[in-house]
């Protein structure tokens, strides 16, 4: 299955109406898109840190997305929101790539499992 990216603000906003997986550093939103491919986007608000830190998380998220093999033929819009109201900026400066990758994988896995179970129920 092909991979693509979320482009417009409206595409990001639609993902908020789907399924959400809340983790300590990120929130993963997923929603079926009815296309023949997955689409991915990453949002990092200013509460995470300065531009250098925010861009680092965006680059990491895109790299993780590029190297991930997604299960099945279910096409989803995937949106990773980096940030938490309970964390301060210092926490994000100290996050390692492996910790970030584990959380994204966990969020994506739970999102795909949710929609897979929903499809299995309907069949």
N, C-alpha and C. Protein backbone atom coordinates (compact mmCIF):
# COMPACT_ATOMS: atom_id res chain seq x y z
N UNK A 1 0.85 -1.18 0.00
CA UNK A 1 0.00 0.00 0.00
C UNK A 1 0.89 1.24 0.00
N UNK A 2 0.48 2.24 -0.76
CA UNK A 2 1.24 3.47 -0.86
C UNK A 2 1.16 4.28 0.43
N UNK A 3 2.10 5.21 0.54
CA UNK A 3 2.12 6.10 1.68
C UNK A 3 2.03 7.54 1.19
N UNK A 4 1.40 8.38 1.95
CA UNK A 4 1.28 9.79 1.62
C UNK A 4 1.29 10.61 2.89
N UNK A 5 1.09 11.91 2.73
CA UNK A 5 1.12 12.82 3.87
C UNK A 5 -0.14 13.66 3.90
N UNK A 6 -0.57 14.00 5.10
CA UNK A 6 -1.67 14.95 5.28
C UNK A 6 -1.16 16.32 4.87
N UNK A 7 -1.95 17.05 4.10
CA UNK A 7 -1.48 18.34 3.58
C UNK A 7 -2.20 19.54 4.18
N UNK A 8 -3.52 19.50 4.17
CA UNK A 8 -4.26 20.69 4.56
C UNK A 8 -4.71 20.62 6.02
N UNK A 9 -5.07 21.77 6.53
CA UNK A 9 -5.55 21.87 7.91
C UNK A 9 -6.81 21.03 8.11
N UNK A 10 -7.66 21.02 7.12
CA UNK A 10 -8.89 20.25 7.21
C UNK A 10 -8.65 18.76 7.35
N UNK A 11 -7.63 18.25 6.68
CA UNK A 11 -7.30 16.83 6.79
C UNK A 11 -6.84 16.49 8.21
N UNK A 12 -6.06 17.38 8.81
CA UNK A 12 -5.64 17.18 10.20
C UNK A 12 -6.83 17.22 11.15
N UNK A 13 -7.73 18.18 10.94
CA UNK A 13 -8.88 18.34 11.83
C UNK A 13 -9.81 17.13 11.78
N UNK A 14 -9.94 16.49 10.61
CA UNK A 14 -10.80 15.31 10.50
C UNK A 14 -10.29 14.16 11.34
N UNK A 15 -8.98 14.07 11.55
CA UNK A 15 -8.44 12.96 12.33
C UNK A 15 -8.86 13.05 13.79
N UNK A 16 -9.17 14.25 14.28
CA UNK A 16 -9.58 14.40 15.67
C UNK A 16 -10.92 13.71 15.95
N UNK A 17 -11.71 13.47 14.90
CA UNK A 17 -13.01 12.83 15.07
C UNK A 17 -12.91 11.31 15.02
N UNK A 18 -11.71 10.79 14.83
CA UNK A 18 -11.51 9.35 14.78
C UNK A 18 -11.11 8.78 16.13
N UNK A 19 -10.26 7.77 16.09
CA UNK A 19 -9.80 7.06 17.29
C UNK A 19 -8.53 7.72 17.82
N UNK A 20 -8.41 7.88 19.12
CA UNK A 20 -7.23 8.51 19.73
C UNK A 20 -6.56 7.55 20.70
N UNK A 21 -5.23 7.53 20.64
CA UNK A 21 -4.42 6.75 21.58
C UNK A 21 -3.55 7.74 22.33
N UNK A 22 -3.79 7.89 23.63
CA UNK A 22 -3.04 8.84 24.45
C UNK A 22 -1.89 8.12 25.13
N UNK A 23 -0.68 8.63 24.91
CA UNK A 23 0.53 8.10 25.51
C UNK A 23 1.23 9.22 26.25
N UNK A 24 2.27 8.93 27.05
CA UNK A 24 2.89 9.98 27.86
C UNK A 24 3.43 11.18 27.08
N UNK A 25 4.02 10.96 25.91
CA UNK A 25 4.61 12.07 25.16
C UNK A 25 3.79 12.51 23.97
N UNK A 26 2.95 11.61 23.44
CA UNK A 26 2.23 11.90 22.20
C UNK A 26 0.79 11.44 22.30
N UNK A 27 0.01 11.88 21.32
CA UNK A 27 -1.34 11.37 21.09
C UNK A 27 -1.39 10.98 19.62
N UNK A 28 -1.82 9.76 19.33
CA UNK A 28 -1.95 9.31 17.94
C UNK A 28 -3.43 9.27 17.60
N UNK A 29 -3.80 10.03 16.56
CA UNK A 29 -5.18 10.04 16.07
C UNK A 29 -5.22 9.25 14.77
N UNK A 30 -6.26 8.46 14.58
CA UNK A 30 -6.40 7.67 13.37
C UNK A 30 -7.86 7.67 12.93
N UNK A 31 -8.04 7.71 11.61
CA UNK A 31 -9.38 7.67 11.05
C UNK A 31 -9.30 7.07 9.65
N UNK A 32 -10.21 6.15 9.31
CA UNK A 32 -10.22 5.61 7.95
C UNK A 32 -10.45 6.72 6.93
N UNK A 33 -9.73 6.66 5.80
CA UNK A 33 -9.83 7.74 4.84
C UNK A 33 -10.51 7.36 3.53
N UNK A 34 -10.76 6.07 3.30
CA UNK A 34 -11.45 5.65 2.08
C UNK A 34 -10.60 5.74 0.83
N UNK A 35 -9.31 5.93 0.98
CA UNK A 35 -8.40 6.00 -0.17
C UNK A 35 -7.66 4.68 -0.31
N UNK A 36 -6.72 4.64 -1.23
CA UNK A 36 -5.93 3.43 -1.42
C UNK A 36 -4.57 3.53 -0.75
N UNK A 37 -4.41 4.48 0.17
CA UNK A 37 -3.11 4.66 0.83
C UNK A 37 -3.29 5.25 2.23
N UNK A 38 -2.25 5.07 3.03
CA UNK A 38 -2.19 5.71 4.34
C UNK A 38 -1.71 7.14 4.13
N UNK A 39 -2.15 8.03 5.01
CA UNK A 39 -1.60 9.38 5.02
C UNK A 39 -1.17 9.70 6.44
N UNK A 40 -0.12 10.48 6.57
CA UNK A 40 0.51 10.72 7.87
C UNK A 40 0.77 12.21 8.05
N UNK A 41 0.64 12.66 9.29
CA UNK A 41 0.98 14.03 9.62
C UNK A 41 1.43 14.11 11.07
N UNK A 42 2.22 15.14 11.38
CA UNK A 42 2.73 15.32 12.73
C UNK A 42 2.56 16.79 13.12
N UNK A 43 2.05 17.02 14.31
CA UNK A 43 1.85 18.36 14.84
C UNK A 43 2.66 18.51 16.12
N UNK A 44 3.42 19.60 16.21
CA UNK A 44 4.19 19.88 17.42
C UNK A 44 3.95 21.33 17.82
N UNK A 45 3.18 21.56 18.88
CA UNK A 45 2.88 22.92 19.30
C UNK A 45 4.07 23.57 20.00
N UNK A 46 3.98 24.85 20.22
CA UNK A 46 5.07 25.60 20.87
C UNK A 46 5.31 25.18 22.30
N UNK A 47 4.34 24.54 22.91
CA UNK A 47 4.52 24.10 24.29
C UNK A 47 5.57 23.01 24.42
N UNK A 48 5.95 22.38 23.30
CA UNK A 48 6.97 21.33 23.30
C UNK A 48 8.36 21.94 23.44
N UNK A 49 8.56 23.11 22.86
CA UNK A 49 9.87 23.75 22.94
C UNK A 49 10.07 24.71 21.78
N UNK A 50 11.32 25.11 21.63
CA UNK A 50 11.65 26.03 20.54
C UNK A 50 11.64 25.29 19.21
N UNK A 51 11.83 26.02 18.12
CA UNK A 51 11.71 25.47 16.77
C UNK A 51 12.65 24.29 16.53
N UNK A 52 13.84 24.33 17.09
CA UNK A 52 14.80 23.25 16.88
C UNK A 52 14.24 21.94 17.44
N UNK A 53 13.67 21.98 18.61
CA UNK A 53 13.13 20.78 19.25
C UNK A 53 11.89 20.31 18.49
N UNK A 54 11.00 21.23 18.12
CA UNK A 54 9.79 20.84 17.39
C UNK A 54 10.12 20.21 16.05
N UNK A 55 11.06 20.79 15.33
CA UNK A 55 11.44 20.24 14.02
C UNK A 55 12.11 18.88 14.16
N UNK A 56 12.86 18.68 15.24
CA UNK A 56 13.48 17.37 15.49
C UNK A 56 12.42 16.30 15.60
N UNK A 57 11.34 16.57 16.35
CA UNK A 57 10.27 15.59 16.51
C UNK A 57 9.54 15.34 15.20
N UNK A 58 9.36 16.37 14.38
CA UNK A 58 8.72 16.18 13.07
C UNK A 58 9.59 15.31 12.17
N UNK A 59 10.88 15.59 12.13
CA UNK A 59 11.79 14.78 11.31
C UNK A 59 11.80 13.33 11.76
N UNK A 60 11.88 13.12 13.07
CA UNK A 60 11.87 11.76 13.61
C UNK A 60 10.58 11.04 13.25
N UNK A 61 9.45 11.72 13.38
CA UNK A 61 8.15 11.09 13.09
C UNK A 61 8.07 10.69 11.62
N UNK A 62 8.50 11.56 10.72
CA UNK A 62 8.48 11.23 9.29
C UNK A 62 9.39 10.06 8.97
N UNK A 63 10.54 10.01 9.60
CA UNK A 63 11.47 8.90 9.38
C UNK A 63 10.89 7.59 9.88
N UNK A 64 10.26 7.60 11.03
CA UNK A 64 9.62 6.40 11.57
C UNK A 64 8.50 5.95 10.63
N UNK A 65 7.71 6.90 10.13
CA UNK A 65 6.62 6.58 9.21
C UNK A 65 7.15 5.95 7.92
N UNK A 66 8.22 6.50 7.38
CA UNK A 66 8.79 5.97 6.13
C UNK A 66 9.25 4.52 6.28
N UNK A 67 9.77 4.17 7.44
CA UNK A 67 10.34 2.84 7.64
C UNK A 67 9.35 1.83 8.22
N UNK A 68 8.13 2.25 8.48
CA UNK A 68 7.15 1.36 9.08
C UNK A 68 6.39 0.61 8.00
N UNK A 69 6.20 -0.68 8.23
CA UNK A 69 5.37 -1.51 7.36
C UNK A 69 4.03 -1.69 8.06
N UNK A 70 2.98 -1.24 7.40
CA UNK A 70 1.66 -1.27 8.00
C UNK A 70 0.93 -2.56 7.64
N UNK A 71 0.17 -3.12 8.57
CA UNK A 71 -0.54 -4.37 8.32
C UNK A 71 -1.81 -4.17 7.51
N UNK A 72 -2.16 -5.18 6.74
CA UNK A 72 -3.45 -5.23 6.09
C UNK A 72 -3.65 -4.20 5.00
N UNK A 73 -4.89 -4.13 4.55
CA UNK A 73 -5.24 -3.21 3.46
C UNK A 73 -6.14 -2.08 3.93
N UNK A 74 -6.16 -1.83 5.23
CA UNK A 74 -6.97 -0.76 5.80
C UNK A 74 -6.20 0.56 5.67
N UNK A 75 -6.78 1.53 4.95
CA UNK A 75 -6.12 2.82 4.74
C UNK A 75 -6.60 3.81 5.80
N UNK A 76 -5.66 4.39 6.52
CA UNK A 76 -5.98 5.33 7.59
C UNK A 76 -5.26 6.66 7.40
N UNK A 77 -5.87 7.71 7.92
CA UNK A 77 -5.17 8.97 8.13
C UNK A 77 -4.61 8.92 9.53
N UNK A 78 -3.30 9.08 9.66
CA UNK A 78 -2.61 8.98 10.95
C UNK A 78 -2.03 10.34 11.30
N UNK A 79 -2.31 10.79 12.51
CA UNK A 79 -1.86 12.10 12.96
C UNK A 79 -1.20 11.94 14.33
N UNK A 80 0.08 12.27 14.40
CA UNK A 80 0.81 12.22 15.67
C UNK A 80 0.87 13.64 16.23
N UNK A 81 0.28 13.82 17.38
CA UNK A 81 0.32 15.11 18.08
C UNK A 81 1.33 14.98 19.21
N UNK A 82 2.43 15.71 19.10
CA UNK A 82 3.48 15.65 20.12
C UNK A 82 3.14 16.68 21.18
N UNK A 83 3.04 16.25 22.43
CA UNK A 83 2.76 17.19 23.50
C UNK A 83 1.82 16.62 24.52
N UNK A 84 1.91 17.19 25.69
CA UNK A 84 1.04 16.80 26.78
C UNK A 84 0.91 17.99 27.72
N UNK A 85 -0.25 18.15 28.28
CA UNK A 85 -0.45 19.28 29.20
C UNK A 85 0.31 19.08 30.50
N UNK A 86 0.65 17.83 30.81
CA UNK A 86 1.30 17.54 32.08
C UNK A 86 2.82 17.63 32.01
N UNK A 87 3.38 17.77 30.83
CA UNK A 87 4.84 17.78 30.67
C UNK A 87 5.33 19.21 30.45
N UNK A 88 6.54 19.48 30.90
CA UNK A 88 7.14 20.78 30.61
C UNK A 88 8.13 20.62 29.46
N UNK A 89 8.64 21.74 28.96
CA UNK A 89 9.53 21.73 27.80
C UNK A 89 10.80 20.94 28.03
N UNK A 90 11.28 20.94 29.25
CA UNK A 90 12.55 20.26 29.56
C UNK A 90 12.46 18.76 29.29
N UNK A 91 11.31 18.17 29.52
CA UNK A 91 11.13 16.73 29.30
C UNK A 91 11.38 16.39 27.84
N UNK A 92 10.90 17.22 26.92
CA UNK A 92 11.03 16.94 25.50
C UNK A 92 12.46 17.10 24.99
N UNK A 93 13.24 17.94 25.63
CA UNK A 93 14.65 18.09 25.25
C UNK A 93 15.45 16.84 25.53
N UNK A 94 15.00 16.06 26.50
CA UNK A 94 15.77 14.90 26.96
C UNK A 94 15.26 13.58 26.37
N UNK A 95 14.25 13.61 25.52
CA UNK A 95 13.68 12.38 24.96
C UNK A 95 14.63 11.81 23.91
N UNK A 96 14.85 10.50 23.97
CA UNK A 96 15.71 9.85 22.97
C UNK A 96 14.85 9.37 21.80
N UNK A 97 15.50 9.14 20.68
CA UNK A 97 14.82 8.67 19.48
C UNK A 97 14.13 7.33 19.74
N UNK A 98 14.80 6.43 20.46
CA UNK A 98 14.22 5.10 20.72
C UNK A 98 12.96 5.18 21.56
N UNK A 99 12.94 6.04 22.58
CA UNK A 99 11.73 6.21 23.40
C UNK A 99 10.57 6.76 22.55
N UNK A 100 10.89 7.73 21.72
CA UNK A 100 9.89 8.34 20.85
C UNK A 100 9.35 7.31 19.85
N UNK A 101 10.26 6.54 19.27
CA UNK A 101 9.87 5.51 18.29
C UNK A 101 8.97 4.46 18.93
N UNK A 102 9.30 4.03 20.15
CA UNK A 102 8.48 3.04 20.85
C UNK A 102 7.07 3.54 21.07
N UNK A 103 6.95 4.81 21.44
CA UNK A 103 5.62 5.36 21.68
C UNK A 103 4.81 5.47 20.39
N UNK A 104 5.48 5.88 19.31
CA UNK A 104 4.76 5.96 18.03
C UNK A 104 4.32 4.57 17.58
N UNK A 105 5.20 3.58 17.68
CA UNK A 105 4.84 2.22 17.31
C UNK A 105 3.68 1.71 18.15
N UNK A 106 3.71 1.97 19.44
CA UNK A 106 2.63 1.53 20.31
C UNK A 106 1.32 2.19 19.90
N UNK A 107 1.35 3.49 19.64
CA UNK A 107 0.15 4.21 19.23
C UNK A 107 -0.40 3.71 17.91
N UNK A 108 0.48 3.51 16.93
CA UNK A 108 0.03 3.02 15.63
C UNK A 108 -0.52 1.60 15.74
N UNK A 109 0.14 0.76 16.52
CA UNK A 109 -0.32 -0.61 16.70
C UNK A 109 -1.70 -0.65 17.32
N UNK A 110 -1.93 0.15 18.35
CA UNK A 110 -3.23 0.18 19.01
C UNK A 110 -4.31 0.73 18.07
N UNK A 111 -3.96 1.72 17.26
CA UNK A 111 -4.93 2.28 16.31
C UNK A 111 -5.32 1.25 15.26
N UNK A 112 -4.33 0.56 14.69
CA UNK A 112 -4.64 -0.45 13.69
C UNK A 112 -5.43 -1.60 14.30
N UNK A 113 -5.10 -2.00 15.52
CA UNK A 113 -5.82 -3.08 16.18
C UNK A 113 -7.28 -2.68 16.40
N UNK A 114 -7.51 -1.42 16.78
CA UNK A 114 -8.87 -0.93 17.00
C UNK A 114 -9.70 -1.04 15.72
N UNK A 115 -9.17 -0.56 14.60
CA UNK A 115 -9.93 -0.57 13.36
C UNK A 115 -10.04 -1.98 12.77
N UNK A 116 -9.05 -2.81 13.01
CA UNK A 116 -9.12 -4.20 12.56
C UNK A 116 -10.23 -4.94 13.29
N UNK A 117 -10.33 -4.72 14.61
CA UNK A 117 -11.39 -5.35 15.39
C UNK A 117 -12.77 -4.83 14.94
N UNK A 118 -12.85 -3.55 14.62
CA UNK A 118 -14.12 -2.98 14.15
C UNK A 118 -14.53 -3.60 12.82
N UNK A 119 -13.57 -3.84 11.93
CA UNK A 119 -13.88 -4.48 10.65
C UNK A 119 -14.31 -5.93 10.86
N UNK A 120 -13.63 -6.62 11.76
CA UNK A 120 -13.96 -8.02 12.02
C UNK A 120 -15.37 -8.15 12.62
N UNK A 121 -15.77 -7.18 13.43
CA UNK A 121 -17.12 -7.20 14.02
C UNK A 121 -18.19 -7.07 12.95
N UNK A 122 -17.91 -6.21 11.96
CA UNK A 122 -18.89 -5.96 10.90
C UNK A 122 -19.02 -7.13 9.92
N UNK A 123 -18.01 -7.96 9.86
CA UNK A 123 -18.06 -9.10 8.92
C UNK A 123 -18.78 -10.28 9.46
